[in-house]
């Protein structure tokens, strides 16, 4: 992540995202540099419009963390209702069967 943050910092300051600049940025904050990672990052970002990517990321809605829990509760309630209906149906079936015996 430090490599990406370094590239974003360079972009924000209007500097060119080059291997040399990324290395300088990482050295300034005390990160041990892996030349292969730097080279890969710079090559990956050559054809990327960072401003456009940042705009797209800012436009994405944030997913609330509580939503999956709420869905789980709804599913549990549905399952409980289904089980109750099954129990009720089976009781009704039993009652109608008994009525046929005495009818």
PDB file of N, CA and C in Angstrom:
ATOM      1  N   UNK A   1       0.813  -1.185   0.000  1.00  0.00           N
ATOM      2  CA  UNK A   1       0.000   0.000   0.000  1.00  0.00           C
ATOM      3  C   UNK A   1       0.867   1.264   0.000  1.00  0.00           C
ATOM      4  N   UNK A   2       2.021   1.188   0.606  1.00  0.00           N
ATOM      5  CA  UNK A   2       2.872   2.372   0.678  1.00  0.00           C
ATOM      6  C   UNK A   2       3.225   2.875  -0.715  1.00  0.00           C
ATOM      7  N   UNK A   3       3.388   1.937  -1.630  1.00  0.00           N
ATOM      8  CA  UNK A   3       3.758   2.297  -2.997  1.00  0.00           C
ATOM      9  C   UNK A   3       2.626   3.080  -3.659  1.00  0.00           C
ATOM     10  N   UNK A   4       1.410   2.614  -3.464  1.00  0.00           N
ATOM     11  CA  UNK A   4       0.252   3.286  -4.045  1.00  0.00           C
ATOM     12  C   UNK A   4       0.065   4.655  -3.410  1.00  0.00           C
ATOM     13  N   UNK A   5       0.196   4.715  -2.085  1.00  0.00           N
ATOM     14  CA  UNK A   5       0.070   5.999  -1.400  1.00  0.00           C
ATOM     15  C   UNK A   5       1.138   6.978  -1.891  1.00  0.00           C
ATOM     16  N   UNK A   6       2.329   6.483  -2.108  1.00  0.00           N
ATOM     17  CA  UNK A   6       3.399   7.328  -2.631  1.00  0.00           C
ATOM     18  C   UNK A   6       3.047   7.873  -4.006  1.00  0.00           C
ATOM     19  N   UNK A   7       2.516   7.018  -4.857  1.00  0.00           N
ATOM     20  CA  UNK A   7       2.117   7.453  -6.195  1.00  0.00           C
ATOM     21  C   UNK A   7       0.980   8.473  -6.118  1.00  0.00           C
ATOM     22  N   UNK A   8       0.023   8.245  -5.205  1.00  0.00           N
ATOM     23  CA  UNK A   8      -1.068   9.207  -5.047  1.00  0.00           C
ATOM     24  C   UNK A   8      -0.565  10.548  -4.521  1.00  0.00           C
ATOM     25  N   UNK A   9       0.403  10.501  -3.618  1.00  0.00           N
ATOM     26  CA  UNK A   9       0.976  11.742  -3.091  1.00  0.00           C
ATOM     27  C   UNK A   9       1.700  12.506  -4.200  1.00  0.00           C
ATOM     28  N   UNK A  10       2.413  11.779  -5.043  1.00  0.00           N
ATOM     29  CA  UNK A  10       3.079  12.427  -6.174  1.00  0.00           C
ATOM     30  C   UNK A  10       2.053  13.063  -7.108  1.00  0.00           C
ATOM     31  N   UNK A  11       0.990  12.327  -7.375  1.00  0.00           N
ATOM     32  CA  UNK A  11      -0.060  12.843  -8.254  1.00  0.00           C
ATOM     33  C   UNK A  11      -0.707  14.095  -7.654  1.00  0.00           C
ATOM     34  N   UNK A  12      -1.007  14.047  -6.363  1.00  0.00           N
ATOM     35  CA  UNK A  12      -1.646  15.179  -5.693  1.00  0.00           C
ATOM     36  C   UNK A  12      -0.756  16.420  -5.698  1.00  0.00           C
ATOM     37  N   UNK A  13       0.556  16.216  -5.667  1.00  0.00           N
ATOM     38  CA  UNK A  13       1.471  17.350  -5.666  1.00  0.00           C
ATOM     39  C   UNK A  13       1.847  17.802  -7.072  1.00  0.00           C
ATOM     40  N   UNK A  14       1.312  17.116  -8.079  1.00  0.00           N
ATOM     41  CA  UNK A  14       1.566  17.510  -9.467  1.00  0.00           C
ATOM     42  C   UNK A  14       2.888  17.011 -10.014  1.00  0.00           C
ATOM     43  N   UNK A  15       3.516  16.097  -9.309  1.00  0.00           N
ATOM     44  CA  UNK A  15       4.802  15.542  -9.766  1.00  0.00           C
ATOM     45  C   UNK A  15       4.562  14.345 -10.675  1.00  0.00           C
ATOM     46  N   UNK A  16       5.534  14.066 -11.510  1.00  0.00           N
ATOM     47  CA  UNK A  16       5.460  12.911 -12.403  1.00  0.00           C
ATOM     48  C   UNK A  16       5.610  11.623 -11.592  1.00  0.00           C
ATOM     49  N   UNK A  17       4.806  10.627 -11.923  1.00  0.00           N
ATOM     50  CA  UNK A  17       4.912   9.335 -11.248  1.00  0.00           C
ATOM     51  C   UNK A  17       5.914   8.504 -12.033  1.00  0.00           C
ATOM     52  N   UNK A  18       7.165   8.610 -11.601  1.00  0.00           N
ATOM     53  CA  UNK A  18       8.251   7.863 -12.237  1.00  0.00           C
ATOM     54  C   UNK A  18       8.917   6.978 -11.188  1.00  0.00           C
ATOM     55  N   UNK A  19       9.718   6.044 -11.649  1.00  0.00           N
ATOM     56  CA  UNK A  19      10.403   5.156 -10.706  1.00  0.00           C
ATOM     57  C   UNK A  19      11.257   5.961  -9.731  1.00  0.00           C
ATOM     58  N   UNK A  20      11.963   6.928 -10.253  1.00  0.00           N
ATOM     59  CA  UNK A  20      12.849   7.740  -9.422  1.00  0.00           C
ATOM     60  C   UNK A  20      12.053   8.514  -8.362  1.00  0.00           C
ATOM     61  N   UNK A  21      10.949   9.132  -8.760  1.00  0.00           N
ATOM     62  CA  UNK A  21      10.152   9.915  -7.815  1.00  0.00           C
ATOM     63  C   UNK A  21       9.471   9.029  -6.770  1.00  0.00           C
ATOM     64  N   UNK A  22       8.981   7.869  -7.184  1.00  0.00           N
ATOM     65  CA  UNK A  22       8.354   6.955  -6.233  1.00  0.00           C
ATOM     66  C   UNK A  22       9.390   6.484  -5.218  1.00  0.00           C
ATOM     67  N   UNK A  23      10.595   6.158  -5.689  1.00  0.00           N
ATOM     68  CA  UNK A  23      11.666   5.724  -4.775  1.00  0.00           C
ATOM     69  C   UNK A  23      12.014   6.827  -3.783  1.00  0.00           C
ATOM     70  N   UNK A  24      12.112   8.063  -4.268  1.00  0.00           N
ATOM     71  CA  UNK A  24      12.421   9.185  -3.378  1.00  0.00           C
ATOM     72  C   UNK A  24      11.331   9.361  -2.324  1.00  0.00           C
ATOM     73  N   UNK A  25      10.085   9.236  -2.758  1.00  0.00           N
ATOM     74  CA  UNK A  25       8.960   9.395  -1.839  1.00  0.00           C
ATOM     75  C   UNK A  25       8.996   8.317  -0.758  1.00  0.00           C
ATOM     76  N   UNK A  26       9.239   7.086  -1.166  1.00  0.00           N
ATOM     77  CA  UNK A  26       9.271   5.980  -0.207  1.00  0.00           C
ATOM     78  C   UNK A  26      10.469   6.082   0.736  1.00  0.00           C
ATOM     79  N   UNK A  27      11.604   6.505   0.212  1.00  0.00           N
ATOM     80  CA  UNK A  27      12.785   6.683   1.057  1.00  0.00           C
ATOM     81  C   UNK A  27      12.542   7.773   2.094  1.00  0.00           C
ATOM     82  N   UNK A  28      11.820   8.799   1.704  1.00  0.00           N
ATOM     83  CA  UNK A  28      11.565   9.925   2.615  1.00  0.00           C
ATOM     84  C   UNK A  28      10.754   9.502   3.836  1.00  0.00           C
ATOM     85  N   UNK A  29       9.913   8.490   3.668  1.00  0.00           N
ATOM     86  CA  UNK A  29       9.102   8.041   4.800  1.00  0.00           C
ATOM     87  C   UNK A  29       9.662   6.777   5.449  1.00  0.00           C
ATOM     88  N   UNK A  30      10.802   6.309   4.981  1.00  0.00           N
ATOM     89  CA  UNK A  30      11.490   5.202   5.620  1.00  0.00           C
ATOM     90  C   UNK A  30      11.023   3.815   5.216  1.00  0.00           C
ATOM     91  N   UNK A  31      10.473   3.684   4.026  1.00  0.00           N
ATOM     92  CA  UNK A  31      10.020   2.378   3.549  1.00  0.00           C
ATOM     93  C   UNK A  31      11.166   1.674   2.834  1.00  0.00           C
ATOM     94  N   UNK A  32      11.325   0.386   3.133  1.00  0.00           N
ATOM     95  CA  UNK A  32      12.331  -0.413   2.425  1.00  0.00           C
ATOM     96  C   UNK A  32      11.822  -0.648   1.004  1.00  0.00           C
ATOM     97  N   UNK A  33      12.603  -0.282   0.018  1.00  0.00           N
ATOM     98  CA  UNK A  33      12.146  -0.261  -1.373  1.00  0.00           C
ATOM     99  C   UNK A  33      12.431  -1.579  -2.081  1.00  0.00           C
ATOM    100  N   UNK A  34      11.417  -2.056  -2.778  1.00  0.00           N
ATOM    101  CA  UNK A  34      11.528  -3.228  -3.642  1.00  0.00           C
ATOM    102  C   UNK A  34      11.451  -2.706  -5.072  1.00  0.00           C
ATOM    103  N   UNK A  35      12.572  -2.749  -5.780  1.00  0.00           N
ATOM    104  CA  UNK A  35      12.634  -2.180  -7.131  1.00  0.00           C
ATOM    105  C   UNK A  35      11.596  -2.795  -8.073  1.00  0.00           C
ATOM    106  N   UNK A  36      11.341  -4.082  -7.940  1.00  0.00           N
ATOM    107  CA  UNK A  36      10.367  -4.740  -8.811  1.00  0.00           C
ATOM    108  C   UNK A  36       8.955  -4.175  -8.585  1.00  0.00           C
ATOM    109  N   UNK A  37       8.603  -3.923  -7.334  1.00  0.00           N
ATOM    110  CA  UNK A  37       7.287  -3.352  -7.031  1.00  0.00           C
ATOM    111  C   UNK A  37       7.162  -1.937  -7.582  1.00  0.00           C
ATOM    112  N   UNK A  38       8.236  -1.164  -7.448  1.00  0.00           N
ATOM    113  CA  UNK A  38       8.218   0.207  -7.961  1.00  0.00           C
ATOM    114  C   UNK A  38       8.043   0.193  -9.470  1.00  0.00           C
ATOM    115  N   UNK A  39       8.813  -0.647 -10.133  1.00  0.00           N
ATOM    116  CA  UNK A  39       8.753  -0.736 -11.589  1.00  0.00           C
ATOM    117  C   UNK A  39       7.358  -1.187 -12.040  1.00  0.00           C
ATOM    118  N   UNK A  40       6.809  -2.157 -11.363  1.00  0.00           N
ATOM    119  CA  UNK A  40       5.483  -2.672 -11.697  1.00  0.00           C
ATOM    120  C   UNK A  40       4.408  -1.601 -11.493  1.00  0.00           C
ATOM    121  N   UNK A  41       4.496  -0.866 -10.399  1.00  0.00           N
ATOM    122  CA  UNK A  41       3.529   0.184 -10.106  1.00  0.00           C
ATOM    123  C   UNK A  41       3.563   1.268 -11.170  1.00  0.00           C
ATOM    124  N   UNK A  42       4.744   1.733 -11.488  1.00  0.00           N
ATOM    125  CA  UNK A  42       4.876   2.807 -12.475  1.00  0.00           C
ATOM    126  C   UNK A  42       4.376   2.338 -13.840  1.00  0.00           C
ATOM    127  N   UNK A  43       4.697   1.120 -14.212  1.00  0.00           N
ATOM    128  CA  UNK A  43       4.232   0.588 -15.494  1.00  0.00           C
ATOM    129  C   UNK A  43       2.709   0.447 -15.506  1.00  0.00           C
ATOM    130  N   UNK A  44       2.129   0.054 -14.389  1.00  0.00           N
ATOM    131  CA  UNK A  44       0.677  -0.114 -14.297  1.00  0.00           C
ATOM    132  C   UNK A  44      -0.061   1.214 -14.379  1.00  0.00           C
ATOM    133  N   UNK A  45       0.556   2.259 -13.867  1.00  0.00           N
ATOM    134  CA  UNK A  45      -0.122   3.551 -13.815  1.00  0.00           C
ATOM    135  C   UNK A  45       0.094   4.422 -15.043  1.00  0.00           C
ATOM    136  N   UNK A  46       0.920   3.976 -15.995  1.00  0.00           N
ATOM    137  CA  UNK A  46       1.212   4.795 -17.168  1.00  0.00           C
ATOM    138  C   UNK A  46      -0.038   5.120 -17.986  1.00  0.00           C
ATOM    139  N   UNK A  47      -0.944   4.171 -18.129  1.00  0.00           N
ATOM    140  CA  UNK A  47      -2.119   4.378 -18.976  1.00  0.00           C
ATOM    141  C   UNK A  47      -3.383   4.661 -18.165  1.00  0.00           C
ATOM    142  N   UNK A  48      -3.228   4.954 -16.876  1.00  0.00           N
ATOM    143  CA  UNK A  48      -4.379   5.188 -16.000  1.00  0.00           C
ATOM    144  C   UNK A  48      -4.554   6.688 -15.783  1.00  0.00           C
ATOM    145  N   UNK A  49      -5.801   7.150 -15.955  1.00  0.00           N
ATOM    146  CA  UNK A  49      -6.129   8.535 -15.627  1.00  0.00           C
ATOM    147  C   UNK A  49      -6.531   8.558 -14.156  1.00  0.00           C
ATOM    148  N   UNK A  50      -5.599   8.922 -13.316  1.00  0.00           N
ATOM    149  CA  UNK A  50      -5.805   8.851 -11.871  1.00  0.00           C
ATOM    150  C   UNK A  50      -6.953   9.754 -11.430  1.00  0.00           C
ATOM    151  N   UNK A  51      -7.079  10.924 -12.020  1.00  0.00           N
ATOM    152  CA  UNK A  51      -8.180  11.841 -11.656  1.00  0.00           C
ATOM    153  C   UNK A  51      -9.527  11.170 -11.917  1.00  0.00           C
ATOM    154  N   UNK A  52      -9.656  10.499 -13.043  1.00  0.00           N
ATOM    155  CA  UNK A  52     -10.909   9.832 -13.379  1.00  0.00           C
ATOM    156  C   UNK A  52     -11.198   8.690 -12.407  1.00  0.00           C
ATOM    157  N   UNK A  53     -10.180   7.955 -12.038  1.00  0.00           N
ATOM    158  CA  UNK A  53     -10.353   6.851 -11.089  1.00  0.00           C
ATOM    159  C   UNK A  53     -10.769   7.391  -9.725  1.00  0.00           C
ATOM    160  N   UNK A  54     -10.157   8.470  -9.288  1.00  0.00           N
ATOM    161  CA  UNK A  54     -10.507   9.062  -7.994  1.00  0.00           C
ATOM    162  C   UNK A  54     -11.935   9.603  -7.993  1.00  0.00           C
ATOM    163  N   UNK A  55     -12.366  10.196  -9.090  1.00  0.00           N
ATOM    164  CA  UNK A  55     -13.746  10.680  -9.190  1.00  0.00           C
ATOM    165  C   UNK A  55     -14.717   9.514  -9.113  1.00  0.00           C
ATOM    166  N   UNK A  56     -14.401   8.429  -9.796  1.00  0.00           N
ATOM    167  CA  UNK A  56     -15.262   7.242  -9.776  1.00  0.00           C
ATOM    168  C   UNK A  56     -15.311   6.618  -8.396  1.00  0.00           C
ATOM    169  N   UNK A  57     -14.201   6.622  -7.700  1.00  0.00           N
ATOM    170  CA  UNK A  57     -14.166   6.045  -6.352  1.00  0.00           C
ATOM    171  C   UNK A  57     -14.963   6.902  -5.383  1.00  0.00           C
ATOM    172  N   UNK A  58     -14.924   8.203  -5.552  1.00  0.00           N
ATOM    173  CA  UNK A  58     -15.666   9.096  -4.668  1.00  0.00           C
ATOM    174  C   UNK A  58     -17.162   8.998  -4.921  1.00  0.00           C
ATOM    175  N   UNK A  59     -17.556   8.638  -6.133  1.00  0.00           N
ATOM    176  CA  UNK A  59     -18.977   8.560  -6.473  1.00  0.00           C
ATOM    177  C   UNK A  59     -19.615   7.257  -6.021  1.00  0.00           C
ATOM    178  N   UNK A  60     -18.816   6.275  -5.670  1.00  0.00           N
ATOM    179  CA  UNK A  60     -19.355   4.987  -5.242  1.00  0.00           C
ATOM    180  C   UNK A  60     -19.990   5.134  -3.864  1.00  0.00           C
ATOM    181  N   UNK A  61     -21.213   4.625  -3.689  1.00  0.00           N
ATOM    182  CA  UNK A  61     -21.847   4.729  -2.373  1.00  0.00           C
ATOM    183  C   UNK A  61     -21.194   3.783  -1.379  1.00  0.00           C
ATOM    184  N   UNK A  62     -21.135   4.219  -0.162  1.00  0.00           N
ATOM    185  CA  UNK A  62     -20.552   3.387   0.895  1.00  0.00           C
ATOM    186  C   UNK A  62     -21.606   2.393   1.354  1.00  0.00           C
ATOM    187  N   UNK A  63     -21.211   1.157   1.516  1.00  0.00           N
ATOM    188  CA  UNK A  63     -22.125   0.118   1.981  1.00  0.00           C
ATOM    189  C   UNK A  63     -22.113   0.103   3.507  1.00  0.00           C
ATOM    190  N   UNK A  64     -23.254   0.222   4.117  1.00  0.00           N
ATOM    191  CA  UNK A  64     -23.289   0.162   5.580  1.00  0.00           C
ATOM    192  C   UNK A  64     -22.939  -1.235   6.061  1.00  0.00           C
ATOM    193  N   UNK A  65     -22.229  -1.299   7.158  1.00  0.00           N
ATOM    194  CA  UNK A  65     -21.817  -2.605   7.670  1.00  0.00           C
ATOM    195  C   UNK A  65     -22.953  -3.331   8.355  1.00  0.00           C
ATOM    196  N   UNK A  66     -23.988  -2.609   8.746  1.00  0.00           N
ATOM    197  CA  UNK A  66     -25.104  -3.247   9.445  1.00  0.00           C
ATOM    198  C   UNK A  66     -26.079  -3.932   8.490  1.00  0.00           C
ATOM    199  N   UNK A  67     -26.017  -3.633   7.216  1.00  0.00           N
ATOM    200  CA  UNK A  67     -26.967  -4.197   6.257  1.00  0.00           C
ATOM    201  C   UNK A  67     -26.933  -5.720   6.204  1.00  0.00           C
ATOM    202  N   UNK A  68     -25.779  -6.357   6.122  1.00  0.00           N
ATOM    203  CA  UNK A  68     -25.799  -7.819   6.079  1.00  0.00           C
ATOM    204  C   UNK A  68     -26.404  -8.444   7.330  1.00  0.00           C
ATOM    205  N   UNK A  69     -26.218  -7.826   8.463  1.00  0.00           N
ATOM    206  CA  UNK A  69     -26.793  -8.362   9.690  1.00  0.00           C
ATOM    207  C   UNK A  69     -28.306  -8.279   9.640  1.00  0.00           C
ATOM    208  N   UNK A  70     -28.817  -7.172   9.119  1.00  0.00           N
ATOM    209  CA  UNK A  70     -30.263  -7.001   9.034  1.00  0.00           C
ATOM    210  C   UNK A  70     -30.855  -8.043   8.089  1.00  0.00           C
ATOM    211  N   UNK A  71     -30.167  -8.310   6.991  1.00  0.00           N
ATOM    212  CA  UNK A  71     -30.653  -9.314   6.057  1.00  0.00           C
ATOM    213  C   UNK A  71     -30.693 -10.676   6.725  1.00  0.00           C
ATOM    214  N   UNK A  72     -29.700 -10.964   7.521  1.00  0.00           N
ATOM    215  CA  UNK A  72     -29.661 -12.245   8.221  1.00  0.00           C
ATOM    216  C   UNK A  72     -30.848 -12.388   9.161  1.00  0.00           C
ATOM    217  N   UNK A  73     -31.226 -11.305   9.819  1.00  0.00           N
ATOM    218  CA  UNK A  73     -32.366 -11.336  10.730  1.00  0.00           C
ATOM    219  C   UNK A  73     -33.653 -11.559   9.951  1.00  0.00           C
ATOM    220  N   UNK A  74     -33.778 -10.922   8.772  1.00  0.00           N
ATOM    221  CA  UNK A  74     -34.963 -11.104   7.954  1.00  0.00           C
ATOM    222  C   UNK A  74     -35.095 -12.556   7.514  1.00  0.00           C
ATOM    223  N   UNK A  75     -33.952 -13.124   7.118  1.00  0.00           N
ATOM    224  CA  UNK A  75     -33.971 -14.517   6.692  1.00  0.00           C
ATOM    225  C   UNK A  75     -34.376 -15.425   7.849  1.00  0.00           C
ATOM    226  N   UNK A  76     -33.883 -15.127   9.044  1.00  0.00           N
ATOM    227  CA  UNK A  76     -34.241 -15.923  10.212  1.00  0.00           C
ATOM    228  C   UNK A  76     -35.735 -15.832  10.476  1.00  0.00           C
ATOM    229  N   UNK A  77     -36.289 -14.612  10.364  1.00  0.00           N
ATOM    230  CA  UNK A  77     -37.715 -14.424  10.599  1.00  0.00           C
ATOM    231  C   UNK A  77     -38.524 -15.200   9.567  1.00  0.00           C
ATOM    232  N   UNK A  78     -38.086 -15.154   8.299  1.00  0.00           N
ATOM    233  CA  UNK A  78     -38.786 -15.882   7.247  1.00  0.00           C
ATOM    234  C   UNK A  78     -38.759 -17.374   7.532  1.00  0.00           C
ATOM    235  N   UNK A  79     -37.588 -17.861   7.948  1.00  0.00           N
ATOM    236  CA  UNK A  79     -37.461 -19.278   8.253  1.00  0.00           C
ATOM    237  C   UNK A  79     -38.358 -19.665   9.422  1.00  0.00           C
ATOM    238  N   UNK A  80     -38.430 -18.795  10.440  1.00  0.00           N
ATOM    239  CA  UNK A  80     -39.274 -19.069  11.595  1.00  0.00           C
ATOM    240  C   UNK A  80     -40.740 -19.119  11.171  1.00  0.00           C
ATOM    241  N   UNK A  81     -41.152 -18.179  10.312  1.00  0.00           N
ATOM    242  CA  UNK A  81     -42.529 -18.149   9.849  1.00  0.00           C
ATOM    243  C   UNK A  81     -42.844 -19.408   9.050  1.00  0.00           C
ATOM    244  N   UNK A  82     -41.901 -19.828   8.199  1.00  0.00           N
ATOM    245  CA  UNK A  82     -42.106 -21.038   7.410  1.00  0.00           C
ATOM    246  C   UNK A  82     -42.257 -22.247   8.321  1.00  0.00           C
ATOM    247  N   UNK A  83     -41.419 -22.310   9.344  1.00  0.00           N
ATOM    248  CA  UNK A  83     -41.490 -23.434  10.282  1.00  0.00           C
ATOM    249  C   UNK A  83     -42.820 -23.419  11.028  1.00  0.00           C
ATOM    250  N   UNK A  84     -43.274 -22.214  11.425  1.00  0.00           N
ATOM    251  CA  UNK A  84     -44.559 -22.111  12.117  1.00  0.00           C
ATOM    252  C   UNK A  84     -45.689 -22.563  11.206  1.00  0.00           C
ATOM    253  N   UNK A  85     -45.626 -22.155   9.940  1.00  0.00           N
ATOM    254  CA  UNK A  85     -46.659 -22.559   8.987  1.00  0.00           C
ATOM    255  C   UNK A  85     -46.656 -24.065   8.797  1.00  0.00           C
ATOM    256  N   UNK A  86     -45.471 -24.656   8.751  1.00  0.00           N
ATOM    257  CA  UNK A  86     -45.367 -26.101   8.602  1.00  0.00           C
ATOM    258  C   UNK A  86     -46.007 -26.804   9.800  1.00  0.00           C
ATOM    259  N   UNK A  87     -45.720 -26.270  10.988  1.00  0.00           N
ATOM    260  CA  UNK A  87     -46.292 -26.858  12.190  1.00  0.00           C
ATOM    261  C   UNK A  87     -47.809 -26.710  12.196  1.00  0.00           C
ATOM    262  N   UNK A  88     -48.289 -25.512  11.819  1.00  0.00           N
ATOM    263  CA  UNK A  88     -49.723 -25.283  11.775  1.00  0.00           C
ATOM    264  C   UNK A  88     -50.374 -26.187  10.738  1.00  0.00           C
ATOM    265  N   UNK A  89     -49.770 -26.303   9.603  1.00  0.00           N
ATOM    266  CA  UNK A  89     -50.329 -27.134   8.544  1.00  0.00           C
ATOM    267  C   UNK A  89     -50.377 -28.588   8.993  1.00  0.00           C
ATOM    268  N   UNK A  90     -49.353 -29.020   9.657  1.00  0.00           N
ATOM    269  CA  UNK A  90     -49.347 -30.407  10.091  1.00  0.00           C
ATOM    270  C   UNK A  90     -50.400 -30.645  11.175  1.00  0.00           C
ATOM    271  N   UNK A  91     -50.640 -29.681  12.044  1.00  0.00           N
ATOM    272  CA  UNK A  91     -51.693 -29.804  13.056  1.00  0.00           C
ATOM    273  C   UNK A  91     -53.063 -29.844  12.398  1.00  0.00           C
ATOM    274  N   UNK A  92     -53.271 -29.010  11.373  1.00  0.00           N
ATOM    275  CA  UNK A  92     -54.542 -28.995  10.646  1.00  0.00           C
ATOM    276  C   UNK A  92     -54.773 -30.318   9.931  1.00  0.00           C
ATOM    277  N   UNK A  93     -53.696 -30.836   9.336  1.00  0.00           N
ATOM    278  CA  UNK A  93     -53.803 -32.126   8.661  1.00  0.00           C
ATOM    279  C   UNK A  93     -54.190 -33.220   9.649  1.00  0.00           C
ATOM    280  N   UNK A  94     -53.588 -33.165  10.802  1.00  0.00           N
ATOM    281  CA  UNK A  94     -53.893 -34.167  11.825  1.00  0.00           C
ATOM    282  C   UNK A  94     -55.348 -34.049  12.270  1.00  0.00           C
ATOM    283  N   UNK A  95     -55.798 -32.801  12.493  1.00  0.00           N
ATOM    284  CA  UNK A  95     -57.175 -32.585  12.935  1.00  0.00           C
ATOM    285  C   UNK A  95     -58.164 -33.053  11.878  1.00  0.00           C
ATOM    286  N   UNK A  96     -57.894 -32.773  10.621  1.00  0.00           N
ATOM    287  CA  UNK A  96     -58.823 -33.224   9.578  1.00  0.00           C
ATOM    288  C   UNK A  96     -58.802 -34.736   9.450  1.00  0.00           C
ATOM    289  N   UNK A  97     -57.675 -35.321   9.647  1.00  0.00           N
ATOM    290  CA  UNK A  97     -57.581 -36.783   9.592  1.00  0.00           C
ATOM    291  C   UNK A  97     -58.360 -37.441  10.729  1.00  0.00           C
ATOM    292  N   UNK A  98     -58.270 -36.853  11.913  1.00  0.00           N
ATOM    293  CA  UNK A  98     -59.012 -37.370  13.056  1.00  0.00           C
ATOM    294  C   UNK A  98     -60.509 -37.182  12.874  1.00  0.00           C
ATOM    295  N   UNK A  99     -60.902 -36.049  12.269  1.00  0.00           N
ATOM    296  CA  UNK A  99     -62.318 -35.807  12.011  1.00  0.00           C
ATOM    297  C   UNK A  99     -62.907 -36.849  11.073  1.00  0.00           C
ATOM    298  N   UNK A 100     -62.099 -37.309  10.148  1.00  0.00           N
ATOM    299  CA  UNK A 100     -62.567 -38.331   9.214  1.00  0.00           C
ATOM    300  C   UNK A 100     -62.801 -39.654   9.942  1.00  0.00           C
ATOM    301  N   UNK A 101     -62.047 -39.923  10.969  1.00  0.00           N
ATOM    302  CA  UNK A 101     -62.214 -41.152  11.725  1.00  0.00           C
ATOM    303  C   UNK A 101     -63.544 -41.167  12.480  1.00  0.00           C
ATOM    304  N   UNK A 102     -63.943 -39.986  12.988  1.00  0.00           N
ATOM    305  CA  UNK A 102     -65.155 -39.902  13.801  1.00  0.00           C
ATOM    306  C   UNK A 102     -66.362 -39.465  12.977  1.00  0.00           C
ATOM    307  N   UNK A 103     -66.178 -39.092  11.756  1.00  0.00           N
ATOM    308  CA  UNK A 103     -67.238 -38.512  10.961  1.00  0.00           C
ATOM    309  C   UNK A 103     -68.150 -39.461  10.370  1.00  0.00           C
TER     310      UNK A 103
END
